[in-house]
Amino acid sequence: MATLPADFQYTRWSDSIERSVMNQVLSNGEAVSMKDIGGTMLKSCKKIGHALGNAICKMAEALYEARAKEARRLISNYY
């Protein structure tokens, strides 16, 4: 069984994290492993970071294309 420090026992978790931990504990009958929970949280953060990075890159590309298109349109007015 996992032992938690006294100050960690009273930490408030969000409902989704608490629900996930409880489902994991109840499904396999083992004690909670902070290493497994930390790994799962790290994987989730990595996925979120990757998705956010992709979204920012797509937005930057769209802005670049829009600026290039506008520049071509302005140049065609003069030539």
C-alpha atoms as a PDB file:
ATOM      1  CA  MET A   1       0.000   0.000   0.000  1.00  0.00           C
ATOM      2  CA  ALA A   2       1.268   3.459  -0.859  1.00  0.00           C
ATOM      3  CA  THR A   3       2.104   5.708   2.020  1.00  0.00           C
ATOM      4  CA  LEU A   4       1.529   9.403   1.554  1.00  0.00           C
ATOM      5  CA  PRO A   5       3.144  12.182   3.563  1.00  0.00           C
ATOM      6  CA  ALA A   6       0.796  13.841   6.018  1.00  0.00           C
ATOM      7  CA  ASP A   7       0.645  17.110   4.101  1.00  0.00           C
ATOM      8  CA  PHE A   8      -0.195  15.293   0.831  1.00  0.00           C
ATOM      9  CA  GLN A   9      -3.140  13.379   2.243  1.00  0.00           C
ATOM     10  CA  TYR A  10      -5.202  16.526   2.575  1.00  0.00           C
ATOM     11  CA  THR A  11      -4.421  17.936  -0.850  1.00  0.00           C
ATOM     12  CA  ARG A  12      -7.563  18.723  -2.819  1.00  0.00           C
ATOM     13  CA  TRP A  13      -7.728  17.115  -6.241  1.00  0.00           C
ATOM     14  CA  SER A  14     -10.045  18.040  -9.046  1.00  0.00           C
ATOM     15  CA  ASP A  15     -13.025  15.750  -9.517  1.00  0.00           C
ATOM     16  CA  SER A  16     -11.709  14.225 -12.735  1.00  0.00           C
ATOM     17  CA  ILE A  17      -8.321  13.336 -11.226  1.00  0.00           C
ATOM     18  CA  GLU A  18      -9.932  11.925  -8.110  1.00  0.00           C
ATOM     19  CA  ARG A  19     -12.408   9.905 -10.181  1.00  0.00           C
ATOM     20  CA  SER A  20      -9.591   8.542 -12.350  1.00  0.00           C
ATOM     21  CA  VAL A  21      -7.521   7.542  -9.323  1.00  0.00           C
ATOM     22  CA  MET A  22     -10.480   5.879  -7.628  1.00  0.00           C
ATOM     23  CA  ASN A  23     -11.394   3.954 -10.804  1.00  0.00           C
ATOM     24  CA  GLN A  24      -7.799   2.767 -11.113  1.00  0.00           C
ATOM     25  CA  VAL A  25      -7.684   1.653  -7.473  1.00  0.00           C
ATOM     26  CA  LEU A  26     -11.036  -0.087  -7.565  1.00  0.00           C
ATOM     27  CA  SER A  27     -10.426  -1.814 -10.891  1.00  0.00           C
ATOM     28  CA  ASN A  28      -7.262  -3.713 -10.017  1.00  0.00           C
ATOM     29  CA  GLY A  29      -7.476  -3.970  -6.237  1.00  0.00           C
ATOM     30  CA  GLU A  30      -3.965  -2.577  -5.744  1.00  0.00           C
ATOM     31  CA  ALA A  31      -2.842   0.452  -3.816  1.00  0.00           C
ATOM     32  CA  VAL A  32      -2.330   3.747  -5.611  1.00  0.00           C
ATOM     33  CA  SER A  33       1.136   4.197  -7.054  1.00  0.00           C
ATOM     34  CA  MET A  34       2.207   7.831  -7.191  1.00  0.00           C
ATOM     35  CA  LYS A  35       4.743   6.840  -9.850  1.00  0.00           C
ATOM     36  CA  ASP A  36       1.956   5.581 -12.141  1.00  0.00           C
ATOM     37  CA  ILE A  37      -0.198   8.627 -11.492  1.00  0.00           C
ATOM     38  CA  GLY A  38       2.750  10.947 -12.127  1.00  0.00           C
ATOM     39  CA  GLY A  39       3.561   9.125 -15.357  1.00  0.00           C
ATOM     40  CA  THR A  40      -0.046   9.370 -16.527  1.00  0.00           C
ATOM     41  CA  MET A  41      -0.180  13.071 -15.697  1.00  0.00           C
ATOM     42  CA  LEU A  42       3.130  13.641 -17.488  1.00  0.00           C
ATOM     43  CA  LYS A  43       1.870  11.844 -20.608  1.00  0.00           C
ATOM     44  CA  SER A  44      -1.304  13.938 -20.547  1.00  0.00           C
ATOM     45  CA  CYS A  45       0.677  17.167 -20.210  1.00  0.00           C
ATOM     46  CA  LYS A  46       2.928  16.085 -23.072  1.00  0.00           C
ATOM     47  CA  LYS A  47      -0.091  15.447 -25.312  1.00  0.00           C
ATOM     48  CA  ILE A  48      -1.591  18.821 -24.410  1.00  0.00           C
ATOM     49  CA  GLY A  49       1.706  20.592 -25.068  1.00  0.00           C
ATOM     50  CA  HIS A  50       2.102  18.839 -28.411  1.00  0.00           C
ATOM     51  CA  ALA A  51      -1.442  19.759 -29.473  1.00  0.00           C
ATOM     52  CA  LEU A  52      -0.962  23.357 -28.362  1.00  0.00           C
ATOM     53  CA  GLY A  53       2.333  23.616 -30.225  1.00  0.00           C
ATOM     54  CA  ASN A  54       0.723  22.255 -33.397  1.00  0.00           C
ATOM     55  CA  ALA A  55      -2.144  24.729 -33.099  1.00  0.00           C
ATOM     56  CA  ILE A  56       0.273  27.646 -32.669  1.00  0.00           C
ATOM     57  CA  CYS A  57       2.307  26.519 -35.703  1.00  0.00           C
ATOM     58  CA  LYS A  58      -0.828  26.217 -37.845  1.00  0.00           C
ATOM     59  CA  MET A  59      -1.966  29.677 -36.766  1.00  0.00           C
ATOM     60  CA  ALA A  60       1.460  31.176 -37.553  1.00  0.00           C
ATOM     61  CA  GLU A  61       1.448  29.540 -40.992  1.00  0.00           C
ATOM     62  CA  ALA A  62      -2.049  30.841 -41.704  1.00  0.00           C
ATOM     63  CA  LEU A  63      -0.998  34.370 -40.692  1.00  0.00           C
ATOM     64  CA  TYR A  64       2.096  34.145 -42.885  1.00  0.00           C
ATOM     65  CA  GLU A  65       0.054  32.995 -45.871  1.00  0.00           C
ATOM     66  CA  ALA A  66      -2.537  35.740 -45.323  1.00  0.00           C
ATOM     67  CA  ARG A  67       0.189  38.399 -45.148  1.00  0.00           C
ATOM     68  CA  ALA A  68       1.850  37.061 -48.308  1.00  0.00           C
ATOM     69  CA  LYS A  69      -1.481  37.002 -50.136  1.00  0.00           C
ATOM     70  CA  GLU A  70      -2.237  40.566 -49.051  1.00  0.00           C
ATOM     71  CA  ALA A  71       1.238  41.708 -50.132  1.00  0.00           C
ATOM     72  CA  ARG A  72       0.749  40.138 -53.567  1.00  0.00           C
ATOM     73  CA  ARG A  73      -2.646  41.827 -53.873  1.00  0.00           C
ATOM     74  CA  LEU A  74      -1.205  45.225 -52.947  1.00  0.00           C
ATOM     75  CA  ILE A  75       1.698  44.846 -55.351  1.00  0.00           C
ATOM     76  CA  SER A  76      -0.630  43.864 -58.200  1.00  0.00           C
ATOM     77  CA  ASN A  77      -2.488  47.164 -57.725  1.00  0.00           C
ATOM     78  CA  TYR A  78       0.631  49.146 -58.580  1.00  0.00           C
ATOM     79  CA  TYR A  79       2.097  47.013 -61.362  1.00  0.00           C
END
